[in-house]
Amino acid sequence: MINDIRYIINSAQYTNVKKSIFENGVFTETLSTILTAAIPIAILAAIYLLITKVGRKGRAKLSSEEAELRARYRQEHNKK
């Protein structure tokens, strides 16, 4: 068993490993800056879209209710 371990240790070949792009300081700093700015912008964009989509439906509903109430008001006051 000791001979097997010695063989493994002695037969090992060491090669240079290419550096990952994530180990580059410029890349990580740029990525962190972009993410720091992009995440709040994405959240604000989602809130804006949510408000505008819901707001349009709400405005349309309010307009139709207002028109209905105005018509009912005219009918009731024109009878007198």
Protein backbone atom coordinates (compact mmCIF):
# COMPACT_ATOMS: atom_id res chain seq x y z
CA MET A 1 0.00 0.00 0.00
CA ILE A 2 2.87 2.36 0.77
CA ASN A 3 4.37 1.55 -2.63
CA ASP A 4 1.07 2.45 -4.30
CA ILE A 5 0.98 5.80 -2.54
CA ARG A 6 4.59 6.50 -3.50
CA TYR A 7 3.82 5.59 -7.12
CA ILE A 8 0.82 7.95 -7.15
CA ILE A 9 2.85 10.79 -5.65
CA ASN A 10 5.84 10.28 -7.94
CA SER A 11 3.79 9.83 -11.10
CA ALA A 12 1.70 12.98 -10.59
CA GLN A 13 2.08 15.56 -13.33
CA TYR A 14 1.68 19.19 -12.45
CA THR A 15 0.34 21.56 -15.07
CA ASN A 16 -0.48 25.21 -15.03
CA VAL A 17 -4.15 25.92 -14.54
CA LYS A 18 -5.65 28.78 -16.51
CA LYS A 19 -6.96 31.57 -14.37
CA SER A 20 -10.68 32.06 -14.29
CA ILE A 21 -12.11 35.36 -15.47
CA PHE A 22 -13.78 35.65 -12.06
CA GLU A 23 -10.35 35.93 -10.43
CA ASN A 24 -9.68 39.12 -12.38
CA GLY A 25 -10.08 42.14 -10.09
CA VAL A 26 -11.24 44.47 -12.86
CA PHE A 27 -13.96 42.05 -13.92
CA THR A 28 -15.28 41.49 -10.39
CA GLU A 29 -15.28 45.21 -9.56
CA THR A 30 -17.08 46.05 -12.81
CA LEU A 31 -19.60 43.28 -12.29
CA SER A 32 -20.30 44.37 -8.72
CA THR A 33 -20.79 47.97 -9.83
CA ILE A 34 -23.15 46.95 -12.62
CA LEU A 35 -25.15 44.69 -10.32
CA THR A 36 -25.29 47.36 -7.63
CA ALA A 37 -26.85 49.75 -10.13
CA ALA A 38 -28.90 47.23 -12.12
CA ILE A 39 -30.77 45.60 -9.24
CA PRO A 40 -32.39 48.82 -7.93
CA ILE A 41 -33.17 49.94 -11.49
CA ALA A 42 -34.84 46.59 -12.21
CA ILE A 43 -36.87 46.82 -9.00
CA LEU A 44 -37.99 50.36 -9.83
CA ALA A 45 -38.91 49.31 -13.37
CA ALA A 46 -41.00 46.43 -12.02
CA ILE A 47 -42.78 48.76 -9.59
CA TYR A 48 -43.41 51.27 -12.38
CA LEU A 49 -44.85 48.60 -14.67
CA LEU A 50 -47.00 47.25 -11.86
CA ILE A 51 -48.36 50.71 -11.06
CA THR A 52 -49.04 51.62 -14.68
CA LYS A 53 -50.77 48.32 -15.49
CA VAL A 54 -52.90 48.34 -12.35
CA GLY A 55 -53.44 52.09 -12.60
CA ARG A 56 -54.91 51.87 -16.09
CA LYS A 57 -57.41 49.26 -15.03
CA GLY A 58 -58.26 51.28 -11.94
CA ARG A 59 -58.72 54.48 -13.93
CA ALA A 60 -60.93 52.77 -16.50
CA LYS A 61 -63.04 51.26 -13.75
CA LEU A 62 -63.35 54.61 -11.98
CA SER A 63 -64.30 56.32 -15.23
CA SER A 64 -67.04 53.79 -15.96
CA GLU A 65 -68.38 54.02 -12.41
CA GLU A 66 -68.32 57.82 -12.60
CA ALA A 67 -70.20 57.77 -15.91
CA GLU A 68 -72.76 55.37 -14.47
CA LEU A 69 -73.30 57.54 -11.38
CA ARG A 70 -73.61 60.70 -13.50
CA ALA A 71 -76.22 59.00 -15.70
CA ARG A 72 -78.15 57.82 -12.64
CA TYR A 73 -77.94 61.31 -11.11
CA ARG A 74 -79.30 62.91 -14.32
CA GLN A 75 -82.17 60.41 -14.46
CA GLU A 76 -83.16 61.05 -10.86
CA HIS A 77 -82.94 64.84 -11.07
CA ASN A 78 -84.56 65.17 -14.49
CA LYS A 79 -87.70 63.35 -13.23
CA LYS A 80 -88.54 66.14 -10.77
